């Protein structure tokens, strides 16, 4: 049954009440925003039906309400989260994956482009297999601790190529549960070149210091 719009106007309520006395079967009146005695706003879902007539011929109607506030709020949060993910899913930059403790539930085309795996191969896959072996424990520690700041590691593509990447995670509700949205971005060529230069400088400095140092007597 399609949900009816939330109703808050007194005119709408009077209109519904006036129809109750002419019902032939149970109907779904819809969801209404109710203010309780304590001042809290709640959402009630109403169903109504006639149950007979009084001796003078007047109809007797009965309405049943169920408090659905928490469900409506959860549905709204879920809808917003799924809409946000759909926007990200269609984005052309970077790889995105919703995962549960490393197991990929959903991912975008960007992740497929980066890793070389198809979307079907990635869905249900252990995401740690996309991380270079030496960095898997490091990345898993970030996942289990709920770390939400950018960090760097090395990934491994389907063809076994190792490459540097930046990762960032966000916790979000998805399909009624809480999972993590992980983004992967290949480090820019300039940044990779800078890292290589630092490594080369370190190796050269170490080599020259250890191998070519000659004491000079005075």
C-alpha atoms as a PDB file:
ATOM      1  CA  UNK A   1       0.000   0.000   0.000  1.00  0.00           C
ATOM      2  CA  UNK A   2       1.392   3.366  -0.969  1.00  0.00           C
ATOM      3  CA  UNK A   3       2.080   5.692   1.900  1.00  0.00           C
ATOM      4  CA  UNK A   4      -0.115   8.771   2.001  1.00  0.00           C
ATOM      5  CA  UNK A   5       1.398  12.162   2.683  1.00  0.00           C
ATOM      6  CA  UNK A   6       1.734  13.267   6.292  1.00  0.00           C
ATOM      7  CA  UNK A   7      -1.242  15.392   7.247  1.00  0.00           C
ATOM      8  CA  UNK A   8      -1.178  18.100   9.893  1.00  0.00           C
ATOM      9  CA  UNK A   9      -4.018  20.485   8.960  1.00  0.00           C
ATOM     10  CA  UNK A  10      -7.237  20.315  11.015  1.00  0.00           C
ATOM     11  CA  UNK A  11      -9.299  20.575   7.813  1.00  0.00           C
ATOM     12  CA  UNK A  12      -7.742  17.334   6.550  1.00  0.00           C
ATOM     13  CA  UNK A  13      -8.529  15.583   9.825  1.00  0.00           C
ATOM     14  CA  UNK A  14     -12.166  16.751   9.788  1.00  0.00           C
ATOM     15  CA  UNK A  15     -12.534  15.522   6.194  1.00  0.00           C
ATOM     16  CA  UNK A  16     -11.273  12.057   7.126  1.00  0.00           C
ATOM     17  CA  UNK A  17     -13.505  11.863  10.199  1.00  0.00           C
ATOM     18  CA  UNK A  18     -16.577  12.808   8.162  1.00  0.00           C
ATOM     19  CA  UNK A  19     -15.911   9.893   5.794  1.00  0.00           C
ATOM     20  CA  UNK A  20     -15.651   7.337   8.586  1.00  0.00           C
ATOM     21  CA  UNK A  21     -19.414   7.055   8.971  1.00  0.00           C
ATOM     22  CA  UNK A  22     -19.921   5.954   5.387  1.00  0.00           C
ATOM     23  CA  UNK A  23     -17.333   3.184   5.138  1.00  0.00           C
ATOM     24  CA  UNK A  24     -18.139  -0.283   3.887  1.00  0.00           C
ATOM     25  CA  UNK A  25     -14.713  -1.777   4.632  1.00  0.00           C
ATOM     26  CA  UNK A  26     -11.483  -0.993   6.478  1.00  0.00           C
ATOM     27  CA  UNK A  27      -9.408   1.766   4.891  1.00  0.00           C
ATOM     28  CA  UNK A  28      -5.932   3.186   5.395  1.00  0.00           C
ATOM     29  CA  UNK A  29      -6.372   6.816   6.410  1.00  0.00           C
ATOM     30  CA  UNK A  30      -2.691   7.671   6.148  1.00  0.00           C
ATOM     31  CA  UNK A  31       0.060   8.946   8.395  1.00  0.00           C
ATOM     32  CA  UNK A  32      -0.438  11.998  10.604  1.00  0.00           C
ATOM     33  CA  UNK A  33       1.903  14.153  12.622  1.00  0.00           C
ATOM     34  CA  UNK A  34       0.639  14.209  16.196  1.00  0.00           C
ATOM     35  CA  UNK A  35       1.770  16.444  19.066  1.00  0.00           C
ATOM     36  CA  UNK A  36       1.715  14.637  22.411  1.00  0.00           C
ATOM     37  CA  UNK A  37       0.841  16.149  25.787  1.00  0.00           C
ATOM     38  CA  UNK A  38       4.553  16.524  26.519  1.00  0.00           C
ATOM     39  CA  UNK A  39       4.998  18.530  23.308  1.00  0.00           C
ATOM     40  CA  UNK A  40       6.795  15.842  21.290  1.00  0.00           C
ATOM     41  CA  UNK A  41       5.936  15.396  17.619  1.00  0.00           C
ATOM     42  CA  UNK A  42       5.118  11.819  16.671  1.00  0.00           C
ATOM     43  CA  UNK A  43       3.904  10.148  13.475  1.00  0.00           C
ATOM     44  CA  UNK A  44       0.871   7.851  13.716  1.00  0.00           C
ATOM     45  CA  UNK A  45      -0.442   5.579  10.992  1.00  0.00           C
ATOM     46  CA  UNK A  46      -4.282   5.268  11.029  1.00  0.00           C
ATOM     47  CA  UNK A  47      -6.667   2.546   9.812  1.00  0.00           C
ATOM     48  CA  UNK A  48     -10.446   2.937  10.199  1.00  0.00           C
ATOM     49  CA  UNK A  49     -13.661   0.998   9.734  1.00  0.00           C
ATOM     50  CA  UNK A  50     -17.333   1.141  10.744  1.00  0.00           C
ATOM     51  CA  UNK A  51     -18.378  -1.406  13.363  1.00  0.00           C
ATOM     52  CA  UNK A  52     -22.158  -0.960  13.416  1.00  0.00           C
ATOM     53  CA  UNK A  53     -24.940   1.473  14.163  1.00  0.00           C
ATOM     54  CA  UNK A  54     -26.476   2.978  17.271  1.00  0.00           C
ATOM     55  CA  UNK A  55     -30.191   2.409  18.013  1.00  0.00           C
ATOM     56  CA  UNK A  56     -30.959   5.806  16.570  1.00  0.00           C
ATOM     57  CA  UNK A  57     -29.282   4.842  13.291  1.00  0.00           C
ATOM     58  CA  UNK A  58     -26.047   6.754  13.697  1.00  0.00           C
ATOM     59  CA  UNK A  59     -22.963   4.885  12.485  1.00  0.00           C
ATOM     60  CA  UNK A  60     -20.191   3.864  14.867  1.00  0.00           C
ATOM     61  CA  UNK A  61     -16.637   3.962  13.523  1.00  0.00           C
ATOM     62  CA  UNK A  62     -13.366   2.715  14.967  1.00  0.00           C
ATOM     63  CA  UNK A  63      -9.860   3.990  14.180  1.00  0.00           C
ATOM     64  CA  UNK A  64      -6.618   2.294  15.142  1.00  0.00           C
ATOM     65  CA  UNK A  65      -3.314   4.180  15.201  1.00  0.00           C
ATOM     66  CA  UNK A  66       0.217   2.788  15.292  1.00  0.00           C
ATOM     67  CA  UNK A  67       3.211   4.960  16.222  1.00  0.00           C
ATOM     68  CA  UNK A  68       5.556   4.699  13.218  1.00  0.00           C
ATOM     69  CA  UNK A  69       7.841   7.615  14.071  1.00  0.00           C
ATOM     70  CA  UNK A  70      11.040   5.588  14.307  1.00  0.00           C
ATOM     71  CA  UNK A  71      10.327   3.690  11.085  1.00  0.00           C
ATOM     72  CA  UNK A  72       9.594   6.873   9.145  1.00  0.00           C
ATOM     73  CA  UNK A  73      12.762   8.545  10.407  1.00  0.00           C
ATOM     74  CA  UNK A  74      14.804   5.451   9.540  1.00  0.00           C
ATOM     75  CA  UNK A  75      13.225   5.279   6.079  1.00  0.00           C
ATOM     76  CA  UNK A  76      14.061   8.938   5.462  1.00  0.00           C
ATOM     77  CA  UNK A  77      17.663   8.461   6.596  1.00  0.00           C
ATOM     78  CA  UNK A  78      17.979   5.358   4.439  1.00  0.00           C
ATOM     79  CA  UNK A  79      16.534   7.129   1.412  1.00  0.00           C
ATOM     80  CA  UNK A  80      18.923  10.059   1.834  1.00  0.00           C
ATOM     81  CA  UNK A  81      21.908   7.730   2.254  1.00  0.00           C
ATOM     82  CA  UNK A  82      21.003   5.662  -0.802  1.00  0.00           C
ATOM     83  CA  UNK A  83      20.475   8.812  -2.851  1.00  0.00           C
ATOM     84  CA  UNK A  84      23.883  10.110  -1.787  1.00  0.00           C
ATOM     85  CA  UNK A  85      25.489   6.809  -2.667  1.00  0.00           C
ATOM     86  CA  UNK A  86      23.759   6.758  -6.063  1.00  0.00           C
ATOM     87  CA  UNK A  87      25.222  10.176  -6.818  1.00  0.00           C
ATOM     88  CA  UNK A  88      28.650   8.935  -5.777  1.00  0.00           C
ATOM     89  CA  UNK A  89      28.128   5.690  -7.677  1.00  0.00           C
ATOM     90  CA  UNK A  90      27.765   7.617 -10.901  1.00  0.00           C
ATOM     91  CA  UNK A  91      30.731   9.875 -10.229  1.00  0.00           C
ATOM     92  CA  UNK A  92      33.618   9.553 -12.650  1.00  0.00           C
ATOM     93  CA  UNK A  93      36.382  10.144 -10.113  1.00  0.00           C
ATOM     94  CA  UNK A  94      37.930   7.595  -7.763  1.00  0.00           C
ATOM     95  CA  UNK A  95      36.721   4.247  -6.528  1.00  0.00           C
ATOM     96  CA  UNK A  96      33.892   3.859  -4.020  1.00  0.00           C
ATOM     97  CA  UNK A  97      32.760   0.796  -2.108  1.00  0.00           C
ATOM     98  CA  UNK A  98      30.243   0.074   0.619  1.00  0.00           C
ATOM     99  CA  UNK A  99      31.643  -2.778   2.679  1.00  0.00           C
ATOM    100  CA  UNK A 100      30.974  -4.762   5.841  1.00  0.00           C
ATOM    101  CA  UNK A 101      34.250  -5.429   7.648  1.00  0.00           C
ATOM    102  CA  UNK A 102      36.059  -5.539   4.324  1.00  0.00           C
ATOM    103  CA  UNK A 103      33.509  -7.512   2.288  1.00  0.00           C
ATOM    104  CA  UNK A 104      32.324  -5.369  -0.631  1.00  0.00           C
ATOM    105  CA  UNK A 105      28.526  -4.994  -0.827  1.00  0.00           C
ATOM    106  CA  UNK A 106      28.313  -2.284  -3.501  1.00  0.00           C
ATOM    107  CA  UNK A 107      30.880  -0.416  -5.572  1.00  0.00           C
ATOM    108  CA  UNK A 108      31.081   2.028  -8.464  1.00  0.00           C
ATOM    109  CA  UNK A 109      32.615   1.869 -11.916  1.00  0.00           C
ATOM    110  CA  UNK A 110      35.541   3.941 -10.688  1.00  0.00           C
ATOM    111  CA  UNK A 111      36.701   1.102  -8.432  1.00  0.00           C
ATOM    112  CA  UNK A 112      36.498  -1.293 -11.364  1.00  0.00           C
ATOM    113  CA  UNK A 113      38.561   1.061 -13.523  1.00  0.00           C
ATOM    114  CA  UNK A 114      41.243   1.420 -10.845  1.00  0.00           C
ATOM    115  CA  UNK A 115      41.569  -2.241  -9.887  1.00  0.00           C
ATOM    116  CA  UNK A 116      40.958  -3.977 -13.206  1.00  0.00           C
ATOM    117  CA  UNK A 117      38.212  -6.192 -11.749  1.00  0.00           C
ATOM    118  CA  UNK A 118      34.664  -6.156 -13.130  1.00  0.00           C
ATOM    119  CA  UNK A 119      31.757  -4.951 -10.977  1.00  0.00           C
ATOM    120  CA  UNK A 120      30.531  -8.539 -10.676  1.00  0.00           C
ATOM    121  CA  UNK A 121      33.959  -9.705  -9.509  1.00  0.00           C
ATOM    122  CA  UNK A 122      34.188  -6.925  -6.926  1.00  0.00           C
ATOM    123  CA  UNK A 123      30.735  -7.489  -5.398  1.00  0.00           C
ATOM    124  CA  UNK A 124      31.135  -9.936  -2.508  1.00  0.00           C
ATOM    125  CA  UNK A 125      34.920  -9.824  -2.733  1.00  0.00           C
ATOM    126  CA  UNK A 126      37.186  -9.344   0.273  1.00  0.00           C
ATOM    127  CA  UNK A 127      38.280  -5.745  -0.245  1.00  0.00           C
ATOM    128  CA  UNK A 128      41.605  -6.379   1.467  1.00  0.00           C
ATOM    129  CA  UNK A 129      42.644  -8.315  -1.621  1.00  0.00           C
ATOM    130  CA  UNK A 130      42.754  -4.939  -3.367  1.00  0.00           C
ATOM    131  CA  UNK A 131      45.417  -3.799  -0.893  1.00  0.00           C
ATOM    132  CA  UNK A 132      49.091  -4.733  -1.206  1.00  0.00           C
ATOM    133  CA  UNK A 133      49.898  -7.581   1.244  1.00  0.00           C
ATOM    134  CA  UNK A 134      52.281  -5.485   3.355  1.00  0.00           C
ATOM    135  CA  UNK A 135      49.515  -2.910   4.001  1.00  0.00           C
ATOM    136  CA  UNK A 136      46.512  -5.175   4.666  1.00  0.00           C
ATOM    137  CA  UNK A 137      46.915  -5.272   8.448  1.00  0.00           C
ATOM    138  CA  UNK A 138      47.353  -1.493   8.470  1.00  0.00           C
ATOM    139  CA  UNK A 139      44.170  -0.903   6.431  1.00  0.00           C
ATOM    140  CA  UNK A 140      42.167  -3.460   8.447  1.00  0.00           C
ATOM    141  CA  UNK A 141      43.148  -1.675  11.655  1.00  0.00           C
ATOM    142  CA  UNK A 142      41.755   1.571  10.205  1.00  0.00           C
ATOM    143  CA  UNK A 143      38.521  -0.193   9.261  1.00  0.00           C
ATOM    144  CA  UNK A 144      37.922  -1.860  12.623  1.00  0.00           C
ATOM    145  CA  UNK A 145      38.730   1.325  14.552  1.00  0.00           C
ATOM    146  CA  UNK A 146      36.261   3.424  12.541  1.00  0.00           C
ATOM    147  CA  UNK A 147      38.995   5.801  11.371  1.00  0.00           C
ATOM    148  CA  UNK A 148      37.496   8.552   9.157  1.00  0.00           C
ATOM    149  CA  UNK A 149      40.474  10.652   8.094  1.00  0.00           C
ATOM    150  CA  UNK A 150      42.410  10.259   4.804  1.00  0.00           C
ATOM    151  CA  UNK A 151      45.392   7.919   4.876  1.00  0.00           C
ATOM    152  CA  UNK A 152      47.756   6.396   2.338  1.00  0.00           C
ATOM    153  CA  UNK A 153      48.645   2.822   1.465  1.00  0.00           C
ATOM    154  CA  UNK A 154      49.459   0.711  -1.582  1.00  0.00           C
ATOM    155  CA  UNK A 155      46.948  -1.174  -3.685  1.00  0.00           C
ATOM    156  CA  UNK A 156      47.321  -4.172  -5.966  1.00  0.00           C
ATOM    157  CA  UNK A 157      45.492  -4.476  -9.279  1.00  0.00           C
ATOM    158  CA  UNK A 158      44.154  -7.630 -10.883  1.00  0.00           C
ATOM    159  CA  UNK A 159      47.299  -7.809 -13.031  1.00  0.00           C
ATOM    160  CA  UNK A 160      49.388  -7.700  -9.780  1.00  0.00           C
ATOM    161  CA  UNK A 161      50.618  -4.145 -10.378  1.00  0.00           C
ATOM    162  CA  UNK A 162      51.326  -2.294  -7.123  1.00  0.00           C
ATOM    163  CA  UNK A 163      50.306   1.375  -6.979  1.00  0.00           C
ATOM    164  CA  UNK A 164      50.045   4.107  -4.301  1.00  0.00           C
ATOM    165  CA  UNK A 165      46.590   5.265  -3.238  1.00  0.00           C
ATOM    166  CA  UNK A 166      44.748   7.442  -0.765  1.00  0.00           C
ATOM    167  CA  UNK A 167      41.852   6.017   1.238  1.00  0.00           C
ATOM    168  CA  UNK A 168      39.098   7.689   3.228  1.00  0.00           C
ATOM    169  CA  UNK A 169      36.106   6.133   4.989  1.00  0.00           C
ATOM    170  CA  UNK A 170      32.705   7.321   6.175  1.00  0.00           C
ATOM    171  CA  UNK A 171      30.207   5.370   8.269  1.00  0.00           C
ATOM    172  CA  UNK A 172      26.640   5.502   6.948  1.00  0.00           C
ATOM    173  CA  UNK A 173      23.287   3.708   7.261  1.00  0.00           C
ATOM    174  CA  UNK A 174      22.584   1.487   4.256  1.00  0.00           C
ATOM    175  CA  UNK A 175      19.622  -0.856   3.741  1.00  0.00           C
ATOM    176  CA  UNK A 176      18.678  -0.624   7.404  1.00  0.00           C
ATOM    177  CA  UNK A 177      22.155  -1.307   8.783  1.00  0.00           C
ATOM    178  CA  UNK A 178      25.344   0.665   9.329  1.00  0.00           C
ATOM    179  CA  UNK A 179      28.252   0.031   7.000  1.00  0.00           C
ATOM    180  CA  UNK A 180      31.319   1.920   5.814  1.00  0.00           C
ATOM    181  CA  UNK A 181      31.711   3.822   2.561  1.00  0.00           C
ATOM    182  CA  UNK A 182      35.357   3.658   1.491  1.00  0.00           C
ATOM    183  CA  UNK A 183      36.812   5.856  -1.241  1.00  0.00           C
ATOM    184  CA  UNK A 184      40.032   4.997  -3.062  1.00  0.00           C
ATOM    185  CA  UNK A 185      41.979   7.499  -5.098  1.00  0.00           C
ATOM    186  CA  UNK A 186      45.205   6.922  -7.005  1.00  0.00           C
ATOM    187  CA  UNK A 187      47.856   9.321  -5.802  1.00  0.00           C
ATOM    188  CA  UNK A 188      48.661  11.997  -8.393  1.00  0.00           C
ATOM    189  CA  UNK A 189      51.627  11.344 -10.659  1.00  0.00           C
ATOM    190  CA  UNK A 190      53.431  14.345  -9.184  1.00  0.00           C
ATOM    191  CA  UNK A 191      53.032  12.971  -5.657  1.00  0.00           C
ATOM    192  CA  UNK A 192      54.241   9.534  -6.739  1.00  0.00           C
ATOM    193  CA  UNK A 193      57.250  11.109  -8.426  1.00  0.00           C
ATOM    194  CA  UNK A 194      58.025  13.065  -5.266  1.00  0.00           C
ATOM    195  CA  UNK A 195      57.933   9.867  -3.227  1.00  0.00           C
ATOM    196  CA  UNK A 196      60.270   8.122  -5.661  1.00  0.00           C
ATOM    197  CA  UNK A 197      62.687  11.063  -5.440  1.00  0.00           C
ATOM    198  CA  UNK A 198      62.705  10.873  -1.653  1.00  0.00           C
ATOM    199  CA  UNK A 199      63.401   7.150  -1.773  1.00  0.00           C
ATOM    200  CA  UNK A 200      66.211   7.609  -4.290  1.00  0.00           C
ATOM    201  CA  UNK A 201      67.760  10.400  -2.205  1.00  0.00           C
ATOM    202  CA  UNK A 202      67.597   8.263   0.911  1.00  0.00           C
ATOM    203  CA  UNK A 203      69.189   5.273  -0.826  1.00  0.00           C
ATOM    204  CA  UNK A 204      71.952   7.400  -2.340  1.00  0.00           C
ATOM    205  CA  UNK A 205      72.651   9.129   0.955  1.00  0.00           C
ATOM    206  CA  UNK A 206      72.771   5.807   2.765  1.00  0.00           C
ATOM    207  CA  UNK A 207      75.004   4.257   0.081  1.00  0.00           C
ATOM    208  CA  UNK A 208      77.421   7.165  -0.004  1.00  0.00           C
ATOM    209  CA  UNK A 209      77.597   7.353   3.766  1.00  0.00           C
ATOM    210  CA  UNK A 210      78.223   3.650   4.274  1.00  0.00           C
ATOM    211  CA  UNK A 211      80.293   2.802   1.193  1.00  0.00           C
ATOM    212  CA  UNK A 212      82.289   5.847   0.129  1.00  0.00           C
ATOM    213  CA  UNK A 213      83.163   7.477   3.418  1.00  0.00           C
ATOM    214  CA  UNK A 214      86.982   7.686   3.771  1.00  0.00           C
ATOM    215  CA  UNK A 215      88.592   9.071   6.933  1.00  0.00           C
ATOM    216  CA  UNK A 216      91.082  11.862   6.364  1.00  0.00           C
ATOM    217  CA  UNK A 217      94.111  11.986   8.626  1.00  0.00           C
ATOM    218  CA  UNK A 218      95.281  15.346   9.885  1.00  0.00           C
END
